Amino acid sequence: QFGQLAKELRQQDCLQYAAFCNLAMARCEQTLFNAPG
């Protein structure tokens, strides 16, 4: 869901907000021990 929100925000040219969503997504992937993600 963070990834989907980041995609929508990027399409609306809200780049810094999309970046924050990607950061949240990275924290989730870290919790899942998914290093590539």
PDB file of all heavy atoms in Angstrom:
ATOM      1  N   GLN A   1       0.829  -1.215   0.000  1.00  0.00           N
ATOM      2  CA  GLN A   1       0.000   0.000   0.000  1.00  0.00           C
ATOM      3  C   GLN A   1       0.862   1.263   0.000  1.00  0.00           C
ATOM      4  O   GLN A   1       0.521   2.253  -0.651  1.00  0.00           O
ATOM      5  CB  GLN A   1      -0.941  -0.025   1.201  1.00  0.00           C
ATOM      6  CG  GLN A   1      -2.043  -1.065   1.072  1.00  0.00           C
ATOM      7  CD  GLN A   1      -2.933  -1.144   2.301  1.00  0.00           C
ATOM      8  OE1 GLN A   1      -2.612  -0.563   3.349  1.00  0.00           O
ATOM      9  NE2 GLN A   1      -4.044  -1.854   2.194  1.00  0.00           N
ATOM     10  N   PHE A   2       1.977   1.239   0.732  1.00  0.00           N
ATOM     11  CA  PHE A   2       2.908   2.377   0.690  1.00  0.00           C
ATOM     12  C   PHE A   2       3.457   2.557  -0.727  1.00  0.00           C
ATOM     13  O   PHE A   2       3.600   3.672  -1.218  1.00  0.00           O
ATOM     14  CB  PHE A   2       4.066   2.159   1.669  1.00  0.00           C
ATOM     15  CG  PHE A   2       3.759   2.523   3.093  1.00  0.00           C
ATOM     16  CD1 PHE A   2       4.019   1.631   4.131  1.00  0.00           C
ATOM     17  CD2 PHE A   2       3.223   3.768   3.416  1.00  0.00           C
ATOM     18  CE1 PHE A   2       3.745   1.967   5.454  1.00  0.00           C
ATOM     19  CE2 PHE A   2       2.940   4.113   4.732  1.00  0.00           C
ATOM     20  CZ  PHE A   2       3.191   3.203   5.754  1.00  0.00           C
ATOM     21  N   GLY A   3       3.746   1.438  -1.373  1.00  0.00           N
ATOM     22  CA  GLY A   3       4.260   1.498  -2.742  1.00  0.00           C
ATOM     23  C   GLY A   3       3.242   2.068  -3.702  1.00  0.00           C
ATOM     24  O   GLY A   3       3.588   2.868  -4.585  1.00  0.00           O
ATOM     25  N   GLN A   4       1.970   1.692  -3.536  1.00  0.00           N
ATOM     26  CA  GLN A   4       0.905   2.214  -4.393  1.00  0.00           C
ATOM     27  C   GLN A   4       0.708   3.707  -4.167  1.00  0.00           C
ATOM     28  O   GLN A   4       0.541   4.484  -5.114  1.00  0.00           O
ATOM     29  CB  GLN A   4      -0.398   1.465  -4.102  1.00  0.00           C
ATOM     30  CG  GLN A   4      -1.579   1.903  -4.964  1.00  0.00           C
ATOM     31  CD  GLN A   4      -1.339   1.726  -6.447  1.00  0.00           C
ATOM     32  OE1 GLN A   4      -0.683   0.775  -6.874  1.00  0.00           O
ATOM     33  NE2 GLN A   4      -1.858   2.651  -7.244  1.00  0.00           N
ATOM     34  N   LEU A   5       0.757   4.118  -2.903  1.00  0.00           N
ATOM     35  CA  LEU A   5       0.615   5.542  -2.580  1.00  0.00           C
ATOM     36  C   LEU A   5       1.778   6.349  -3.163  1.00  0.00           C
ATOM     37  O   LEU A   5       1.582   7.451  -3.693  1.00  0.00           O
ATOM     38  CB  LEU A   5       0.544   5.726  -1.059  1.00  0.00           C
ATOM     39  CG  LEU A   5       0.307   7.144  -0.529  1.00  0.00           C
ATOM     40  CD1 LEU A   5      -0.943   7.761  -1.141  1.00  0.00           C
ATOM     41  CD2 LEU A   5       0.205   7.130   0.990  1.00  0.00           C
ATOM     42  N   ALA A   6       2.978   5.786  -3.084  1.00  0.00           N
ATOM     43  CA  ALA A   6       4.159   6.455  -3.659  1.00  0.00           C
ATOM     44  C   ALA A   6       4.006   6.628  -5.170  1.00  0.00           C
ATOM     45  O   ALA A   6       4.341   7.676  -5.734  1.00  0.00           O
ATOM     46  CB  ALA A   6       5.411   5.639  -3.352  1.00  0.00           C
ATOM     47  N   LYS A   7       3.464   5.595  -5.821  1.00  0.00           N
ATOM     48  CA  LYS A   7       3.266   5.653  -7.277  1.00  0.00           C
ATOM     49  C   LYS A   7       2.273   6.762  -7.643  1.00  0.00           C
ATOM     50  O   LYS A   7       2.507   7.532  -8.586  1.00  0.00           O
ATOM     51  CB  LYS A   7       2.757   4.294  -7.764  1.00  0.00           C
ATOM     52  CG  LYS A   7       2.604   4.197  -9.270  1.00  0.00           C
ATOM     53  CD  LYS A   7       2.133   2.799  -9.666  1.00  0.00           C
ATOM     54  CE  LYS A   7       1.942   2.712 -11.183  1.00  0.00           C
ATOM     55  NZ  LYS A   7       1.459   1.350 -11.577  1.00  0.00           N
ATOM     56  N   GLU A   8       1.176   6.861  -6.885  1.00  0.00           N
ATOM     57  CA  GLU A   8       0.174   7.895  -7.163  1.00  0.00           C
ATOM     58  C   GLU A   8       0.747   9.294  -6.941  1.00  0.00           C
ATOM     59  O   GLU A   8       0.512  10.216  -7.733  1.00  0.00           O
ATOM     60  CB  GLU A   8      -1.040   7.687  -6.261  1.00  0.00           C
ATOM     61  CG  GLU A   8      -1.844   6.429  -6.588  1.00  0.00           C
ATOM     62  CD  GLU A   8      -2.986   6.210  -5.616  1.00  0.00           C
ATOM     63  OE1 GLU A   8      -3.376   7.195  -4.932  1.00  0.00           O
ATOM     64  OE2 GLU A   8      -3.482   5.075  -5.522  1.00  0.00           O
ATOM     65  N   LEU A   9       1.498   9.447  -5.871  1.00  0.00           N
ATOM     66  CA  LEU A   9       2.080  10.758  -5.563  1.00  0.00           C
ATOM     67  C   LEU A   9       3.119  11.164  -6.602  1.00  0.00           C
ATOM     68  O   LEU A   9       3.236  12.343  -6.947  1.00  0.00           O
ATOM     69  CB  LEU A   9       2.711  10.730  -4.169  1.00  0.00           C
ATOM     70  CG  LEU A   9       1.716  10.683  -3.007  1.00  0.00           C
ATOM     71  CD1 LEU A   9       2.409  10.289  -1.720  1.00  0.00           C
ATOM     72  CD2 LEU A   9       1.027  12.048  -2.848  1.00  0.00           C
ATOM     73  N   ARG A  10       3.858  10.187  -7.113  1.00  0.00           N
ATOM     74  CA  ARG A  10       4.842  10.488  -8.155  1.00  0.00           C
ATOM     75  C   ARG A  10       4.142  10.970  -9.424  1.00  0.00           C
ATOM     76  O   ARG A  10       4.609  11.903 -10.085  1.00  0.00           O
ATOM     77  CB  ARG A  10       5.670   9.239  -8.457  1.00  0.00           C
ATOM     78  CG  ARG A  10       6.843   9.503  -9.380  1.00  0.00           C
ATOM     79  CD  ARG A  10       7.606   8.249  -9.735  1.00  0.00           C
ATOM     80  NE  ARG A  10       8.034   7.501  -8.569  1.00  0.00           N
ATOM     81  CZ  ARG A  10       8.880   6.468  -8.623  1.00  0.00           C
ATOM     82  NH1 ARG A  10       9.382   6.083  -9.787  1.00  0.00           N
ATOM     83  NH2 ARG A  10       9.217   5.825  -7.536  1.00  0.00           N
ATOM     84  N   GLN A  11       3.020  10.335  -9.751  1.00  0.00           N
ATOM     85  CA  GLN A  11       2.266  10.740 -10.938  1.00  0.00           C
ATOM     86  C   GLN A  11       1.718  12.165 -10.789  1.00  0.00           C
ATOM     87  O   GLN A  11       1.529  12.867 -11.776  1.00  0.00           O
ATOM     88  CB  GLN A  11       1.122   9.757 -11.177  1.00  0.00           C
ATOM     89  CG  GLN A  11       1.587   8.392 -11.666  1.00  0.00           C
ATOM     90  CD  GLN A  11       0.466   7.362 -11.702  1.00  0.00           C
ATOM     91  OE1 GLN A  11      -0.613   7.585 -11.140  1.00  0.00           O
ATOM     92  NE2 GLN A  11       0.712   6.235 -12.355  1.00  0.00           N
ATOM     93  N   GLN A  12       1.462  12.565  -9.532  1.00  0.00           N
ATOM     94  CA  GLN A  12       0.965  13.922  -9.274  1.00  0.00           C
ATOM     95  C   GLN A  12       2.110  14.914  -9.045  1.00  0.00           C
ATOM     96  O   GLN A  12       1.879  16.058  -8.682  1.00  0.00           O
ATOM     97  CB  GLN A  12       0.042  13.895  -8.055  1.00  0.00           C
ATOM     98  CG  GLN A  12      -1.221  13.072  -8.272  1.00  0.00           C
ATOM     99  CD  GLN A  12      -2.025  12.912  -6.996  1.00  0.00           C
ATOM    100  OE1 GLN A  12      -2.165  13.864  -6.224  1.00  0.00           O
ATOM    101  NE2 GLN A  12      -2.547  11.736  -6.756  1.00  0.00           N
ATOM    102  N   ASP A  13       3.344  14.445  -9.254  1.00  0.00           N
ATOM    103  CA  ASP A  13       4.535  15.293  -9.127  1.00  0.00           C
ATOM    104  C   ASP A  13       4.763  15.778  -7.695  1.00  0.00           C
ATOM    105  O   ASP A  13       5.354  16.841  -7.481  1.00  0.00           O
ATOM    106  CB  ASP A  13       4.438  16.493 -10.080  1.00  0.00           C
ATOM    107  CG  ASP A  13       5.822  16.994 -10.505  1.00  0.00           C
ATOM    108  OD1 ASP A  13       6.762  16.172 -10.517  1.00  0.00           O
ATOM    109  OD2 ASP A  13       5.960  18.187 -10.817  1.00  0.00           O
ATOM    110  N   CYS A  14       4.292  14.994  -6.720  1.00  0.00           N
ATOM    111  CA  CYS A  14       4.592  15.289  -5.309  1.00  0.00           C
ATOM    112  C   CYS A  14       5.775  14.420  -4.901  1.00  0.00           C
ATOM    113  O   CYS A  14       5.622  13.417  -4.163  1.00  0.00           O
ATOM    114  CB  CYS A  14       3.374  15.005  -4.432  1.00  0.00           C
ATOM    115  SG  CYS A  14       1.919  15.979  -4.871  1.00  0.00           S
ATOM    116  N   LEU A  15       6.940  14.772  -5.395  1.00  0.00           N
ATOM    117  CA  LEU A  15       8.090  13.871  -5.324  1.00  0.00           C
ATOM    118  C   LEU A  15       8.560  13.606  -3.902  1.00  0.00           C
ATOM    119  O   LEU A  15       8.885  12.465  -3.549  1.00  0.00           O
ATOM    120  CB  LEU A  15       9.246  14.452  -6.153  1.00  0.00           C
ATOM    121  CG  LEU A  15       8.941  14.707  -7.635  1.00  0.00           C
ATOM    122  CD1 LEU A  15      10.180  15.215  -8.357  1.00  0.00           C
ATOM    123  CD2 LEU A  15       8.431  13.446  -8.299  1.00  0.00           C
ATOM    124  N   GLN A  16       8.625  14.654  -3.071  1.00  0.00           N
ATOM    125  CA  GLN A  16       9.135  14.431  -1.716  1.00  0.00           C
ATOM    126  C   GLN A  16       8.198  13.558  -0.891  1.00  0.00           C
ATOM    127  O   GLN A  16       8.640  12.731  -0.088  1.00  0.00           O
ATOM    128  CB  GLN A  16       9.436  15.754  -1.000  1.00  0.00           C
ATOM    129  CG  GLN A  16       8.233  16.577  -0.625  1.00  0.00           C
ATOM    130  CD  GLN A  16       7.837  17.540  -1.726  1.00  0.00           C
ATOM    131  OE1 GLN A  16       7.966  17.230  -2.911  1.00  0.00           O
ATOM    132  NE2 GLN A  16       7.353  18.714  -1.336  1.00  0.00           N
ATOM    133  N   TYR A  17       6.863  13.689  -1.119  1.00  0.00           N
ATOM    134  CA  TYR A  17       5.916  12.846  -0.392  1.00  0.00           C
ATOM    135  C   TYR A  17       6.003  11.402  -0.869  1.00  0.00           C
ATOM    136  O   TYR A  17       5.888  10.458  -0.069  1.00  0.00           O
ATOM    137  CB  TYR A  17       4.494  13.386  -0.566  1.00  0.00           C
ATOM    138  CG  TYR A  17       4.303  14.762   0.022  1.00  0.00           C
ATOM    139  CD1 TYR A  17       3.807  15.812  -0.738  1.00  0.00           C
ATOM    140  CD2 TYR A  17       4.638  15.014   1.351  1.00  0.00           C
ATOM    141  CE1 TYR A  17       3.654  17.080  -0.206  1.00  0.00           C
ATOM    142  CE2 TYR A  17       4.475  16.281   1.898  1.00  0.00           C
ATOM    143  CZ  TYR A  17       3.989  17.315   1.119  1.00  0.00           C
ATOM    144  OH  TYR A  17       3.834  18.567   1.665  1.00  0.00           O
ATOM    145  N   ALA A  18       6.208  11.233  -2.188  1.00  0.00           N
ATOM    146  CA  ALA A  18       6.397   9.881  -2.728  1.00  0.00           C
ATOM    147  C   ALA A  18       7.645   9.247  -2.130  1.00  0.00           C
ATOM    148  O   ALA A  18       7.668   8.050  -1.826  1.00  0.00           O
ATOM    149  CB  ALA A  18       6.515   9.941  -4.249  1.00  0.00           C
ATOM    150  N   ALA A  19       8.680  10.070  -1.925  1.00  0.00           N
ATOM    151  CA  ALA A  19       9.926   9.566  -1.339  1.00  0.00           C
ATOM    152  C   ALA A  19       9.700   9.082   0.093  1.00  0.00           C
ATOM    153  O   ALA A  19      10.217   8.031   0.488  1.00  0.00           O
ATOM    154  CB  ALA A  19      10.996  10.661  -1.360  1.00  0.00           C
ATOM    155  N   PHE A  20       8.890   9.816   0.865  1.00  0.00           N
ATOM    156  CA  PHE A  20       8.595   9.401   2.240  1.00  0.00           C
ATOM    157  C   PHE A  20       7.847   8.059   2.255  1.00  0.00           C
ATOM    158  O   PHE A  20       8.077   7.218   3.126  1.00  0.00           O
ATOM    159  CB  PHE A  20       7.781  10.476   2.966  1.00  0.00           C
ATOM    160  CG  PHE A  20       8.601  11.660   3.397  1.00  0.00           C
ATOM    161  CD1 PHE A  20       8.298  12.943   2.966  1.00  0.00           C
ATOM    162  CD2 PHE A  20       9.684  11.485   4.251  1.00  0.00           C
ATOM    163  CE1 PHE A  20       9.072  14.029   3.367  1.00  0.00           C
ATOM    164  CE2 PHE A  20      10.459  12.569   4.661  1.00  0.00           C
ATOM    165  CZ  PHE A  20      10.143  13.845   4.217  1.00  0.00           C
ATOM    166  N   CYS A  21       6.967   7.866   1.281  1.00  0.00           N
ATOM    167  CA  CYS A  21       6.249   6.584   1.184  1.00  0.00           C
ATOM    168  C   CYS A  21       7.213   5.447   0.845  1.00  0.00           C
ATOM    169  O   CYS A  21       7.082   4.333   1.366  1.00  0.00           O
ATOM    170  CB  CYS A  21       5.159   6.677   0.125  1.00  0.00           C
ATOM    171  SG  CYS A  21       3.778   7.733   0.607  1.00  0.00           S
ATOM    172  N   ASN A  22       8.175   5.736  -0.022  1.00  0.00           N
ATOM    173  CA  ASN A  22       9.175   4.718  -0.344  1.00  0.00           C
ATOM    174  C   ASN A  22      10.033   4.388   0.873  1.00  0.00           C
ATOM    175  O   ASN A  22      10.446   3.240   1.051  1.00  0.00           O
ATOM    176  CB  ASN A  22      10.058   5.194  -1.503  1.00  0.00           C
ATOM    177  CG  ASN A  22       9.463   4.862  -2.852  1.00  0.00           C
ATOM    178  OD1 ASN A  22       9.116   3.713  -3.126  1.00  0.00           O
ATOM    179  ND2 ASN A  22       9.320   5.863  -3.705  1.00  0.00           N
ATOM    180  N   LEU A  23      10.310   5.392   1.698  1.00  0.00           N
ATOM    181  CA  LEU A  23      11.063   5.143   2.933  1.00  0.00           C
ATOM    182  C   LEU A  23      10.280   4.223   3.871  1.00  0.00           C
ATOM    183  O   LEU A  23      10.840   3.303   4.475  1.00  0.00           O
ATOM    184  CB  LEU A  23      11.359   6.469   3.646  1.00  0.00           C
ATOM    185  CG  LEU A  23      12.634   7.214   3.235  1.00  0.00           C
ATOM    186  CD1 LEU A  23      12.749   8.514   4.020  1.00  0.00           C
ATOM    187  CD2 LEU A  23      13.866   6.367   3.465  1.00  0.00           C
ATOM    188  N   ALA A  24       8.975   4.490   3.979  1.00  0.00           N
ATOM    189  CA  ALA A  24       8.131   3.634   4.815  1.00  0.00           C
ATOM    190  C   ALA A  24       8.104   2.216   4.250  1.00  0.00           C
ATOM    191  O   ALA A  24       8.137   1.228   5.004  1.00  0.00           O
ATOM    192  CB  ALA A  24       6.720   4.216   4.873  1.00  0.00           C
ATOM    193  N   MET A  25       8.064   2.113   2.935  1.00  0.00           N
ATOM    194  CA  MET A  25       8.089   0.811   2.275  1.00  0.00           C
ATOM    195  C   MET A  25       9.401   0.077   2.570  1.00  0.00           C
ATOM    196  O   MET A  25       9.411  -1.131   2.820  1.00  0.00           O
ATOM    197  CB  MET A  25       7.924   1.022   0.766  1.00  0.00           C
ATOM    198  CG  MET A  25       7.805  -0.239  -0.055  1.00  0.00           C
ATOM    199  SD  MET A  25       7.600   0.155  -1.805  1.00  0.00           S
ATOM    200  CE  MET A  25       7.710  -1.485  -2.514  1.00  0.00           C
ATOM    201  N   ALA A  26      10.512   0.829   2.576  1.00  0.00           N
ATOM    202  CA  ALA A  26      11.824   0.227   2.877  1.00  0.00           C
ATOM    203  C   ALA A  26      11.855  -0.326   4.297  1.00  0.00           C
ATOM    204  O   ALA A  26      12.419  -1.398   4.541  1.00  0.00           O
ATOM    205  CB  ALA A  26      12.930   1.271   2.686  1.00  0.00           C
ATOM    206  N   ARG A  27      11.236   0.397   5.245  1.00  0.00           N
ATOM    207  CA  ARG A  27      11.183  -0.094   6.630  1.00  0.00           C
ATOM    208  C   ARG A  27      10.385  -1.394   6.727  1.00  0.00           C
ATOM    209  O   ARG A  27      10.733  -2.301   7.485  1.00  0.00           O
ATOM    210  CB  ARG A  27      10.596   0.983   7.545  1.00  0.00           C
ATOM    211  CG  ARG A  27      11.553   2.135   7.834  1.00  0.00           C
ATOM    212  CD  ARG A  27      11.046   2.999   8.986  1.00  0.00           C
ATOM    213  NE  ARG A  27       9.836   3.730   8.624  1.00  0.00           N
ATOM    214  CZ  ARG A  27       9.831   4.935   8.058  1.00  0.00           C
ATOM    215  NH1 ARG A  27      10.977   5.544   7.798  1.00  0.00           N
ATOM    216  NH2 ARG A  27       8.697   5.539   7.771  1.00  0.00           N
ATOM    217  N   CYS A  28       9.309  -1.462   5.944  1.00  0.00           N
ATOM    218  CA  CYS A  28       8.506  -2.697   5.925  1.00  0.00           C
ATOM    219  C   CYS A  28       9.325  -3.861   5.366  1.00  0.00           C
ATOM    220  O   CYS A  28       9.297  -4.976   5.908  1.00  0.00           O
ATOM    221  CB  CYS A  28       7.251  -2.494   5.075  1.00  0.00           C
ATOM    222  SG  CYS A  28       6.046  -1.352   5.774  1.00  0.00           S
ATOM    223  N   GLU A  29      10.040  -3.602   4.273  1.00  0.00           N
ATOM    224  CA  GLU A  29      10.847  -4.663   3.655  1.00  0.00           C
ATOM    225  C   GLU A  29      11.960  -5.111   4.607  1.00  0.00           C
ATOM    226  O   GLU A  29      12.329  -6.284   4.638  1.00  0.00           O
ATOM    227  CB  GLU A  29      11.444  -4.177   2.330  1.00  0.00           C
ATOM    228  CG  GLU A  29      10.421  -3.835   1.260  1.00  0.00           C
ATOM    229  CD  GLU A  29       9.552  -5.012   0.867  1.00  0.00           C
ATOM    230  OE1 GLU A  29      10.036  -6.167   0.910  1.00  0.00           O
ATOM    231  OE2 GLU A  29       8.366  -4.794   0.542  1.00  0.00           O
ATOM    232  N   GLN A  30      12.492  -4.172   5.390  1.00  0.00           N
ATOM    233  CA  GLN A  30      13.516  -4.532   6.372  1.00  0.00           C
ATOM    234  C   GLN A  30      12.924  -5.446   7.443  1.00  0.00           C
ATOM    235  O   GLN A  30      13.559  -6.426   7.857  1.00  0.00           O
ATOM    236  CB  GLN A  30      14.079  -3.263   7.014  1.00  0.00           C
ATOM    237  CG  GLN A  30      15.225  -3.521   7.991  1.00  0.00           C
ATOM    238  CD  GLN A  30      15.677  -2.252   8.696  1.00  0.00           C
ATOM    239  OE1 GLN A  30      14.852  -1.435   9.108  1.00  0.00           O
ATOM    240  NE2 GLN A  30      16.987  -2.076   8.824  1.00  0.00           N
ATOM    241  N   THR A  31      11.698  -5.142   7.876  1.00  0.00           N
ATOM    242  CA  THR A  31      11.016  -5.980   8.864  1.00  0.00           C
ATOM    243  C   THR A  31      10.785  -7.391   8.324  1.00  0.00           C
ATOM    244  O   THR A  31      10.849  -8.373   9.061  1.00  0.00           O
ATOM    245  CB  THR A  31       9.659  -5.344   9.250  1.00  0.00           C
ATOM    246  OG1 THR A  31       9.891  -4.012   9.719  1.00  0.00           O
ATOM    247  CG2 THR A  31       8.957  -6.146  10.329  1.00  0.00           C
ATOM    248  N   LEU A  32      10.539  -7.477   7.009  1.00  0.00           N
ATOM    249  CA  LEU A  32      10.300  -8.768   6.361  1.00  0.00           C
ATOM    250  C   LEU A  32      11.599  -9.491   5.991  1.00  0.00           C
ATOM    251  O   LEU A  32      11.557 -10.560   5.384  1.00  0.00           O
ATOM    252  CB  LEU A  32       9.457  -8.566   5.091  1.00  0.00           C
ATOM    253  CG  LEU A  32       8.031  -8.041   5.293  1.00  0.00           C
ATOM    254  CD1 LEU A  32       7.435  -7.605   3.974  1.00  0.00           C
ATOM    255  CD2 LEU A  32       7.175  -9.105   5.963  1.00  0.00           C
ATOM    256  N   PHE A  33      12.740  -8.868   6.323  1.00  0.00           N
ATOM    257  CA  PHE A  33      14.073  -9.403   5.990  1.00  0.00           C
ATOM    258  C   PHE A  33      14.238  -9.599   4.475  1.00  0.00           C
ATOM    259  O   PHE A  33      14.867 -10.556   4.023  1.00  0.00           O
ATOM    260  CB  PHE A  33      14.331 -10.736   6.728  1.00  0.00           C
ATOM    261  CG  PHE A  33      14.296 -10.603   8.219  1.00  0.00           C
ATOM    262  CD1 PHE A  33      13.169 -10.998   8.936  1.00  0.00           C
ATOM    263  CD2 PHE A  33      15.364 -10.042   8.902  1.00  0.00           C
ATOM    264  CE1 PHE A  33      13.124 -10.855  10.320  1.00  0.00           C
ATOM    265  CE2 PHE A  33      15.331  -9.898  10.295  1.00  0.00           C
ATOM    266  CZ  PHE A  33      14.202 -10.311  10.999  1.00  0.00           C
ATOM    267  N   ASN A  34      13.632  -8.684   3.729  1.00  0.00           N
ATOM    268  CA  ASN A  34      13.746  -8.708   2.268  1.00  0.00           C
ATOM    269  C   ASN A  34      14.734  -7.633   1.847  1.00  0.00           C
ATOM    270  O   ASN A  34      14.350  -6.507   1.514  1.00  0.00           O
ATOM    271  CB  ASN A  34      12.368  -8.477   1.636  1.00  0.00           C
ATOM    272  CG  ASN A  34      12.425  -8.464   0.117  1.00  0.00           C
ATOM    273  OD1 ASN A  34      13.412  -8.893  -0.485  1.00  0.00           O
ATOM    274  ND2 ASN A  34      11.369  -7.962  -0.516  1.00  0.00           N
ATOM    275  N   ALA A  35      16.031  -7.953   1.893  1.00  0.00           N
ATOM    276  CA  ALA A  35      17.082  -6.959   1.607  1.00  0.00           C
ATOM    277  C   ALA A  35      16.987  -6.380   0.199  1.00  0.00           C
ATOM    278  O   ALA A  35      17.128  -5.160   0.026  1.00  0.00           O
ATOM    279  CB  ALA A  35      18.456  -7.580   1.849  1.00  0.00           C
ATOM    280  N   PRO A  36      16.749  -7.200  -0.866  1.00  0.00           N
ATOM    281  CA  PRO A  36      16.626  -6.605  -2.210  1.00  0.00           C
ATOM    282  C   PRO A  36      15.494  -5.584  -2.298  1.00  0.00           C
ATOM    283  O   PRO A  36      15.657  -4.518  -2.910  1.00  0.00           O
ATOM    284  CB  PRO A  36      16.355  -7.819  -3.105  1.00  0.00           C
ATOM    285  CG  PRO A  36      16.938  -8.978  -2.375  1.00  0.00           C
ATOM    286  CD  PRO A  36      16.705  -8.680  -0.928  1.00  0.00           C
ATOM    287  N   GLY A  37      14.338  -5.902  -1.669  1.00  0.00           N
ATOM    288  CA  GLY A  37      13.218  -4.961  -1.680  1.00  0.00           C
ATOM    289  C   GLY A  37      13.531  -3.691  -0.911  1.00  0.00           C
ATOM    290  O   GLY A  37      13.158  -2.586  -1.332  1.00  0.00           O
TER     291      GLY A  37
END
